[in-house]
Amino acid sequence: MNTTGFDTLGGTLSTRVLFGAGCIAQLAQEVQRLGGARVLLVSDRGLADAGHVAQAQAILNEANIASTLYLDVQENPTDEDVSRCADVARNDDSDILVGLGGGSAMDAAKGANLLLTQGGRIQDYWGMGKVVAPMLPLIAIPTTAGTGSEVQQVALISDAQTHQKMACGDPALRPATAILDPNLTLSQPWEVACSTALDAMTHALESVVTTARTDLSQRFSTEAFRLGYSAAVQIMEGSEDPFVRGEMLKAACYAGLAIDHSMLGAAHSCANPLTQTFGLRHGFAVGVMLPHVIAFNAQDSSVAAIYGNVARTSGLVPENAPDKDAVDALISAVDDLCEKSGAKQALRALHEPVEHISSLASGAAEQWTAQYNPREVGVTDFEDIYRSALTR
């Protein structure tokens, strides 16, 4: 696919990526290019209040493109959310979807697309490769720089009854177009910007070492951290510079591309039970667990060498620094991000988390991402990782 303002690092992307301040202006052109005439715009009330939904609708209206809104997306969308969203699209005969927001809005749009075009319940698509019929085109417009869902083939949807997160994946779920406009990220509250930046950096450092990693995914992962670390520090220190926000947005997209090729690991396995048990924000949960997972994984010298390369490429240590020093610097850098973002303070505020280590570890061992961790990790290992994180 063609890209504008975005270096594919030698890879061939399934998603057309448009990057640049103000590039949301190309929304109508992309709808028309994809053959759409009736848009379902999937977003949330907060983004409507921020004016982003009205901006998108105005661009569509100017091109005489009809649009209908679904604004009831909640954080961590459920099967009930995507069912309601699909009903709205079905009633309006929508022929193209636009997901405007964070990962939740984009995943809700993907989930609704599944129900619209494949039928059944979202639970039917839990797993990989279950799409059998053509899907509607989807345009993804992220307003946060974290998940990278705008270029991924997976939608994460929660079961409203069990709270189980279902990863529904298929190449057909990848958006046709991703519009990366840094201006849209400026309305984020500081805590959201920090949390999503931590999420993106965790995606980069997990995907670079997974058992499913490829040469291409490692290029994406390494570039994601190289670009994103400096940007994340500046955002956490209060920067609203559109250039810095753009670097973070690109980093999140690169990390999303890396995940799409290589999956995730034990930090995400640890994070989900923390979020379910204590309500800890996802980006904070993955961020605070990551230094301890890196330390666990780096006991394998081949994995330490990969982490070391990322640290050297990102300028955290000199090019001739040994792997041990490079890994220590990487752990320190992530720990610093957790401190600057407020993630460590949020962890300290949890009520007696040590008492939950056993149940947290059991939950982590059941997470699907654990199977891709570069070192085999079981319940006892997870207990040790949690103990390290929760007793510091």
Protein backbone atom coordinates (compact mmCIF):
# COMPACT_ATOMS: atom_id res chain seq x y z
CA MET A 1 0.00 0.00 0.00
CA ASN A 2 1.07 3.61 -0.52
CA THR A 3 2.08 5.69 2.47
CA THR A 4 2.39 9.43 2.88
CA GLY A 5 4.91 10.83 5.38
CA PHE A 6 5.53 7.41 6.95
CA ASP A 7 8.63 5.24 6.38
CA THR A 8 7.71 1.54 6.09
CA LEU A 9 11.33 0.52 6.88
CA GLY A 10 11.40 -1.72 3.84
CA GLY A 11 8.20 -3.57 4.72
CA THR A 12 5.07 -3.94 2.61
CA LEU A 13 2.00 -2.85 4.57
CA SER A 14 -1.58 -4.02 4.15
CA THR A 15 -2.77 -0.67 5.50
CA ARG A 16 -2.33 2.64 3.68
CA VAL A 17 -0.78 4.99 6.27
CA LEU A 18 -1.24 8.75 6.01
CA PHE A 19 0.81 10.86 8.43
CA GLY A 20 1.04 14.56 9.12
CA ALA A 21 -0.51 17.45 11.00
CA GLY A 22 -3.95 18.13 9.54
CA CYS A 23 -4.07 14.97 7.44
CA ILE A 24 -7.56 14.16 8.76
CA ALA A 25 -8.59 16.51 5.93
CA GLN A 26 -8.01 13.54 3.61
CA LEU A 27 -10.79 11.50 5.27
CA ALA A 28 -13.44 12.12 2.59
CA GLN A 29 -10.97 11.40 -0.17
CA GLU A 30 -10.12 8.07 1.43
CA VAL A 31 -13.80 7.15 1.87
CA GLN A 32 -14.37 7.83 -1.82
CA ARG A 33 -11.22 5.95 -2.84
CA LEU A 34 -12.50 2.91 -0.95
CA GLY A 35 -15.93 3.12 -2.60
CA GLY A 36 -17.84 4.21 0.48
CA ALA A 37 -21.04 6.26 0.40
CA ARG A 38 -22.56 5.78 3.89
CA VAL A 39 -20.15 6.05 6.80
CA LEU A 40 -20.61 4.71 10.31
CA LEU A 41 -18.37 6.87 12.49
CA VAL A 42 -17.46 4.98 15.67
CA SER A 43 -16.15 7.11 18.55
CA ASP A 44 -16.96 8.18 22.10
CA ARG A 45 -18.63 11.07 23.89
CA GLY A 46 -15.36 12.52 25.16
CA LEU A 47 -14.04 12.92 21.63
CA ALA A 48 -17.35 14.40 20.58
CA ASP A 49 -16.97 16.98 23.38
CA ALA A 50 -13.40 17.68 22.21
CA GLY A 51 -14.73 18.53 18.74
CA HIS A 52 -13.02 15.72 16.83
CA VAL A 53 -16.25 13.99 15.83
CA ALA A 54 -17.75 17.22 14.49
CA GLN A 55 -14.54 17.89 12.57
CA ALA A 56 -14.68 14.47 10.91
CA GLN A 57 -18.38 14.86 10.09
CA ALA A 58 -17.80 18.31 8.61
CA ILE A 59 -15.14 16.89 6.28
CA LEU A 60 -17.56 14.17 5.17
CA ASN A 61 -20.48 16.58 4.81
CA GLU A 62 -18.45 18.91 2.60
CA ALA A 63 -17.94 15.98 0.21
CA ASN A 64 -21.66 15.06 0.38
CA ILE A 65 -20.89 11.78 2.16
CA ALA A 66 -23.62 10.61 4.54
CA SER A 67 -22.55 9.63 8.06
CA THR A 68 -24.14 8.10 11.14
CA LEU A 69 -22.62 8.23 14.61
CA TYR A 70 -22.07 5.55 17.21
CA LEU A 71 -20.67 7.33 20.28
CA ASP A 72 -21.23 4.79 23.04
CA VAL A 73 -17.78 3.19 22.92
CA GLN A 74 -16.42 2.55 26.40
CA GLU A 75 -12.90 1.70 27.50
CA ASN A 76 -12.28 -2.01 26.87
CA PRO A 77 -15.35 -2.54 24.62
CA THR A 78 -17.51 -5.57 25.28
CA ASP A 79 -19.46 -7.98 23.13
CA GLU A 80 -22.58 -5.98 24.00
CA ASP A 81 -20.96 -2.75 22.75
CA VAL A 82 -20.00 -4.20 19.37
CA SER A 83 -23.42 -5.78 18.95
CA ARG A 84 -25.13 -2.40 19.49
CA CYS A 85 -22.65 -0.74 17.15
CA ALA A 86 -23.31 -3.34 14.45
CA ASP A 87 -27.07 -2.80 14.83
CA VAL A 88 -26.66 0.94 14.16
CA ALA A 89 -24.59 0.25 11.04
CA ARG A 90 -27.04 -2.37 9.83
CA ASN A 91 -30.05 -0.08 10.30
CA ASP A 92 -28.31 2.70 8.37
CA ASP A 93 -27.01 0.45 5.55
CA SER A 94 -23.46 1.65 6.25
CA ASP A 95 -20.94 0.50 3.66
CA ILE A 96 -17.75 1.77 5.32
CA LEU A 97 -16.64 2.26 8.93
CA VAL A 98 -14.44 4.91 10.51
CA GLY A 99 -12.96 4.24 13.96
CA LEU A 100 -12.00 7.57 15.56
CA GLY A 101 -10.37 7.39 18.97
CA GLY A 102 -8.07 5.19 20.99
CA GLY A 103 -7.74 1.45 20.72
CA SER A 104 -11.23 0.97 22.16
CA ALA A 105 -12.95 2.87 19.34
CA MET A 106 -10.90 1.16 16.65
CA ASP A 107 -11.44 -2.29 18.16
CA ALA A 108 -15.17 -1.64 18.54
CA ALA A 109 -15.33 -0.75 14.84
CA LYS A 110 -13.46 -3.94 13.95
CA GLY A 111 -15.77 -6.02 16.12
CA ALA A 112 -18.88 -4.43 14.61
CA ASN A 113 -17.47 -5.09 11.15
CA LEU A 114 -17.16 -8.78 12.02
CA LEU A 115 -20.78 -9.03 13.11
CA LEU A 116 -22.04 -7.03 10.13
CA THR A 117 -20.26 -9.10 7.51
CA GLN A 118 -19.87 -12.54 9.09
CA GLY A 119 -22.93 -12.79 11.37
CA GLY A 120 -23.16 -14.57 14.72
CA ARG A 121 -21.67 -13.37 18.00
CA ILE A 122 -18.25 -11.88 18.62
CA GLN A 123 -17.38 -14.99 20.64
CA ASP A 124 -17.49 -16.92 17.38
CA TYR A 125 -14.38 -15.04 16.22
CA TRP A 126 -12.26 -15.48 19.34
CA GLY A 127 -9.00 -16.81 17.98
CA MET A 128 -7.33 -16.43 14.63
CA GLY A 129 -8.39 -16.77 11.01
CA LYS A 130 -12.17 -17.16 11.31
CA VAL A 131 -13.28 -14.63 8.68
CA VAL A 132 -14.90 -16.36 5.70
CA ALA A 133 -16.70 -13.52 3.85
CA PRO A 134 -15.57 -10.10 2.59
CA MET A 135 -15.55 -7.31 5.16
CA LEU A 136 -16.41 -3.63 4.83
CA PRO A 137 -13.51 -1.21 4.47
CA LEU A 138 -12.40 0.41 7.72
CA ILE A 139 -10.53 3.69 8.20
CA ALA A 140 -8.76 4.01 11.56
CA ILE A 141 -7.97 7.44 13.01
CA PRO A 142 -6.12 7.22 16.34
CA THR A 143 -6.41 10.08 18.81
CA THR A 144 -4.00 8.46 21.26
CA ALA A 145 -0.50 7.17 20.66
CA GLY A 146 -0.55 3.77 22.32
CA THR A 147 -2.24 0.68 20.97
CA GLY A 148 -1.26 0.70 17.30
CA SER A 149 -4.63 -0.87 16.53
CA GLU A 150 -4.79 1.26 13.38
CA VAL A 151 -2.49 -1.21 11.59
CA GLN A 152 -3.30 -4.47 13.39
CA GLN A 153 -5.29 -7.54 12.46
CA VAL A 154 -6.58 -8.10 15.99
CA ALA A 155 -9.52 -6.65 17.93
CA LEU A 156 -9.62 -7.06 21.71
CA ILE A 157 -13.21 -7.38 22.91
CA SER A 158 -14.25 -8.25 26.48
CA ASP A 159 -17.03 -10.63 27.40
CA ALA A 160 -19.48 -8.50 29.41
CA GLN A 161 -20.38 -11.43 31.66
CA THR A 162 -17.01 -13.08 32.32
CA HIS A 163 -14.76 -10.04 31.69
CA GLN A 164 -12.50 -12.33 29.64
CA LYS A 165 -10.60 -10.41 26.96
CA MET A 166 -11.13 -12.08 23.60
CA ALA A 167 -8.48 -11.55 20.92
CA CYS A 168 -10.24 -11.83 17.57
CA GLY A 169 -7.71 -11.90 14.76
CA ASP A 170 -7.68 -12.18 10.99
CA PRO A 171 -5.73 -10.37 8.25
CA ALA A 172 -9.08 -9.10 6.95
CA LEU A 173 -9.46 -7.04 10.14
CA ARG A 174 -6.56 -4.76 9.28
CA PRO A 175 -7.88 -1.26 8.49
CA ALA A 176 -7.70 -0.23 4.84
CA THR A 177 -6.35 3.18 5.82
CA ALA A 178 -4.80 4.66 8.94
CA ILE A 179 -4.84 8.45 9.29
CA LEU A 180 -2.18 9.59 11.77
CA ASP A 181 -2.80 13.26 12.56
CA PRO A 182 -0.74 14.46 15.56
CA ASN A 183 -3.12 17.39 16.12
CA LEU A 184 -5.82 14.96 17.22
CA THR A 185 -3.69 13.75 20.14
CA LEU A 186 -3.38 17.19 21.72
CA SER A 187 -6.77 16.92 23.45
CA GLN A 188 -5.73 13.92 25.54
CA PRO A 189 -5.59 14.43 29.30
CA TRP A 190 -1.98 14.26 30.54
CA GLU A 191 -2.53 10.94 32.35
CA VAL A 192 -3.97 9.35 29.19
CA ALA A 193 -1.05 10.61 27.09
CA CYS A 194 1.39 9.15 29.63
CA SER A 195 -0.41 5.83 29.94
CA THR A 196 -0.70 5.30 26.20
CA ALA A 197 2.97 6.24 25.70
CA LEU A 198 3.93 3.58 28.24
CA ASP A 199 1.73 1.09 26.42
CA ALA A 200 3.48 1.84 23.11
CA MET A 201 6.95 1.49 24.65
CA THR A 202 5.92 -1.83 26.20
CA HIS A 203 4.68 -3.02 22.82
CA ALA A 204 8.06 -2.16 21.34
CA LEU A 205 10.12 -3.92 24.01
CA GLU A 206 7.92 -7.00 24.20
CA SER A 207 7.49 -7.55 20.47
CA VAL A 208 11.24 -7.27 19.82
CA VAL A 209 12.01 -10.46 21.78
CA THR A 210 8.96 -12.72 21.36
CA THR A 211 9.33 -16.23 19.99
CA ALA A 212 7.32 -15.13 16.93
CA ARG A 213 9.65 -12.22 16.10
CA THR A 214 10.89 -11.69 12.54
CA ASP A 215 13.58 -9.48 11.04
CA LEU A 216 10.88 -7.04 9.91
CA SER A 217 9.07 -6.99 13.25
CA GLN A 218 12.37 -6.28 15.01
CA ARG A 219 13.00 -3.32 12.70
CA PHE A 220 9.57 -1.96 13.59
CA SER A 221 10.09 -2.62 17.33
CA THR A 222 13.54 -1.03 17.45
CA GLU A 223 12.43 2.05 15.53
CA ALA A 224 9.36 2.34 17.77
CA PHE A 225 11.51 2.55 20.89
CA ARG A 226 14.16 4.76 19.27
CA LEU A 227 11.54 7.31 18.22
CA GLY A 228 9.19 6.88 21.15
CA TYR A 229 11.44 6.95 24.20
CA SER A 230 12.54 10.56 23.83
CA ALA A 231 9.02 11.62 22.83
CA ALA A 232 7.51 9.80 25.81
CA VAL A 233 9.88 11.54 28.23
CA GLN A 234 8.97 14.93 26.78
CA ILE A 235 5.22 14.19 26.89
CA MET A 236 5.51 13.06 30.50
CA GLU A 237 7.29 16.34 31.25
CA GLY A 238 4.30 18.22 29.82
CA SER A 239 5.19 18.79 26.16
CA GLU A 240 2.34 19.52 23.78
CA ASP A 241 4.66 20.14 20.84
CA PRO A 242 2.92 18.72 17.74
CA PHE A 243 6.27 17.43 16.44
CA VAL A 244 6.84 15.46 19.65
CA ARG A 245 3.27 14.15 19.54
CA GLY A 246 3.87 13.13 15.93
CA GLU A 247 6.99 11.18 16.85
CA MET A 248 5.01 9.39 19.55
CA LEU A 249 2.19 8.63 17.12
CA LYS A 250 4.63 7.16 14.61
CA ALA A 251 6.32 5.14 17.37
CA ALA A 252 2.98 3.68 18.46
CA CYS A 253 2.19 2.76 14.86
CA TYR A 254 5.57 1.06 14.40
CA ALA A 255 5.01 -0.86 17.63
CA GLY A 256 1.56 -1.85 16.38
CA LEU A 257 3.10 -3.15 13.16
CA ALA A 258 5.62 -5.11 15.21
CA ILE A 259 2.87 -6.72 17.28
CA ASP A 260 0.99 -7.62 14.13
CA HIS A 261 3.98 -9.74 13.09
CA SER A 262 5.29 -10.97 16.43
CA MET A 263 2.66 -10.80 19.21
CA LEU A 264 3.41 -9.85 22.85
CA GLY A 265 4.80 -11.44 26.01
CA ALA A 266 4.75 -11.78 29.78
CA ALA A 267 4.37 -8.09 30.69
CA HIS A 268 0.94 -8.07 29.06
CA SER A 269 0.14 -11.38 30.73
CA CYS A 270 0.91 -9.77 34.09
CA ALA A 271 -0.94 -6.55 33.31
CA ASN A 272 -4.39 -7.92 32.52
CA PRO A 273 -4.95 -9.49 35.98
CA LEU A 274 -3.73 -6.26 37.62
CA THR A 275 -6.28 -4.28 35.62
CA GLN A 276 -9.08 -6.77 36.30
CA THR A 277 -8.31 -6.98 40.04
CA PHE A 278 -7.49 -3.37 40.88
CA GLY A 279 -8.72 -1.30 37.94
CA LEU A 280 -5.16 -0.13 37.23
CA ARG A 281 -5.02 1.67 33.87
CA HIS A 282 -3.72 -0.72 31.18
CA GLY A 283 -0.73 1.38 30.11
CA PHE A 284 0.35 1.78 33.73
CA ALA A 285 -0.10 -1.93 34.39
CA VAL A 286 2.08 -3.07 31.48
CA GLY A 287 4.62 -0.34 32.19
CA VAL A 288 5.23 -1.21 35.85
CA MET A 289 5.58 -4.91 35.07
CA LEU A 290 7.93 -4.44 32.11
CA PRO A 291 11.24 -3.80 33.97
CA HIS A 292 10.76 -7.01 35.94
CA VAL A 293 9.89 -9.00 32.83
CA ILE A 294 12.96 -7.63 31.04
CA ALA A 295 15.13 -8.71 34.00
CA PHE A 296 13.55 -12.19 33.88
CA ASN A 297 13.95 -12.56 30.12
CA ALA A 298 17.51 -11.19 30.06
CA GLN A 299 18.72 -14.19 32.02
CA ASP A 300 18.83 -15.77 28.56
CA SER A 301 21.96 -14.31 26.94
CA SER A 302 20.46 -14.36 23.44
CA VAL A 303 17.51 -12.29 24.64
CA ALA A 304 19.83 -9.96 26.56
CA ALA A 305 21.68 -9.35 23.28
CA ILE A 306 18.44 -8.19 21.61
CA TYR A 307 17.59 -5.85 24.47
CA GLY A 308 21.17 -4.60 24.36
CA ASN A 309 20.88 -3.76 20.68
CA VAL A 310 17.72 -1.73 21.32
CA ALA A 311 19.44 0.20 24.12
CA ARG A 312 22.49 0.93 21.97
CA THR A 313 20.43 1.91 18.91
CA SER A 314 18.36 4.28 21.06
CA GLY A 315 21.45 5.98 22.49
CA LEU A 316 20.89 4.83 26.07
CA VAL A 317 24.47 3.49 26.17
CA PRO A 318 27.53 3.77 23.92
CA GLU A 319 27.69 1.51 20.86
CA ASN A 320 30.39 -0.63 22.47
CA ALA A 321 28.57 -1.12 25.78
CA PRO A 322 28.31 -4.78 26.88
CA ASP A 323 24.89 -6.38 26.93
CA LYS A 324 24.64 -6.40 30.72
CA ASP A 325 25.19 -2.65 30.97
CA ALA A 326 22.81 -2.07 28.06
CA VAL A 327 20.06 -4.16 29.64
CA ASP A 328 20.51 -2.36 32.97
CA ALA A 329 20.20 0.98 31.15
CA LEU A 330 17.05 -0.21 29.38
CA ILE A 331 15.46 -1.31 32.65
CA SER A 332 16.41 2.02 34.23
CA ALA A 333 14.90 3.94 31.27
CA VAL A 334 11.58 2.11 31.54
CA ASP A 335 11.59 2.54 35.32
CA ASP A 336 12.12 6.26 34.79
CA LEU A 337 9.14 6.43 32.41
CA CYS A 338 7.01 4.71 35.04
CA GLU A 339 8.09 7.29 37.63
CA LYS A 340 7.56 10.31 35.37
CA SER A 341 4.15 9.09 34.17
CA GLY A 342 2.67 8.43 37.59
CA ALA A 343 2.46 4.69 36.95
CA LYS A 344 4.61 3.79 39.95
CA GLN A 345 2.58 6.07 42.19
CA ALA A 346 -0.60 4.35 40.96
CA LEU A 347 0.96 0.97 41.77
CA ARG A 348 1.92 2.10 45.27
CA ALA A 349 -1.66 3.23 45.86
CA LEU A 350 -3.11 -0.27 45.34
CA HIS A 351 -4.66 -1.78 48.46
CA GLU A 352 -2.52 -4.68 49.76
CA PRO A 353 -1.63 -6.09 46.32
CA VAL A 354 0.91 -8.55 47.78
CA GLU A 355 -1.97 -10.56 49.23
CA HIS A 356 -3.19 -11.19 45.68
CA ILE A 357 0.10 -12.45 44.21
CA SER A 358 -1.05 -16.07 44.02
CA SER A 359 -4.29 -15.29 42.19
CA LEU A 360 -2.59 -12.71 39.98
CA ALA A 361 0.04 -15.26 38.94
CA SER A 362 -2.58 -17.88 38.16
CA GLY A 363 -4.44 -15.37 36.01
CA ALA A 364 -1.26 -14.29 34.23
CA ALA A 365 -0.37 -17.88 33.35
CA GLU A 366 -3.72 -18.22 31.56
CA GLN A 367 -3.18 -15.17 29.32
CA TRP A 368 -2.63 -15.93 25.64
CA THR A 369 0.42 -13.65 25.35
CA ALA A 370 2.47 -15.77 27.78
CA GLN A 371 3.05 -18.39 25.10
CA TYR A 372 5.10 -15.92 23.04
CA ASN A 373 7.44 -14.86 25.84
CA PRO A 374 11.07 -15.66 24.92
CA ARG A 375 11.62 -17.54 28.18
CA GLU A 376 9.09 -20.11 29.27
CA VAL A 377 7.12 -18.61 32.13
CA GLY A 378 4.87 -20.48 34.56
CA VAL A 379 2.86 -19.69 37.67
CA THR A 380 5.90 -19.77 39.98
CA ASP A 381 7.81 -17.44 37.66
CA PHE A 382 4.87 -15.05 37.56
CA GLU A 383 4.72 -15.07 41.35
CA ASP A 384 8.39 -14.05 41.47
CA ILE A 385 7.85 -11.31 38.87
CA TYR A 386 4.85 -9.91 40.73
CA ARG A 387 6.71 -10.07 44.05
CA SER A 388 9.56 -8.10 42.55
CA ALA A 389 7.21 -5.44 41.22
CA LEU A 390 4.85 -5.18 44.17
CA THR A 391 7.36 -5.14 47.04
CA ARG A 392 9.79 -2.49 45.74
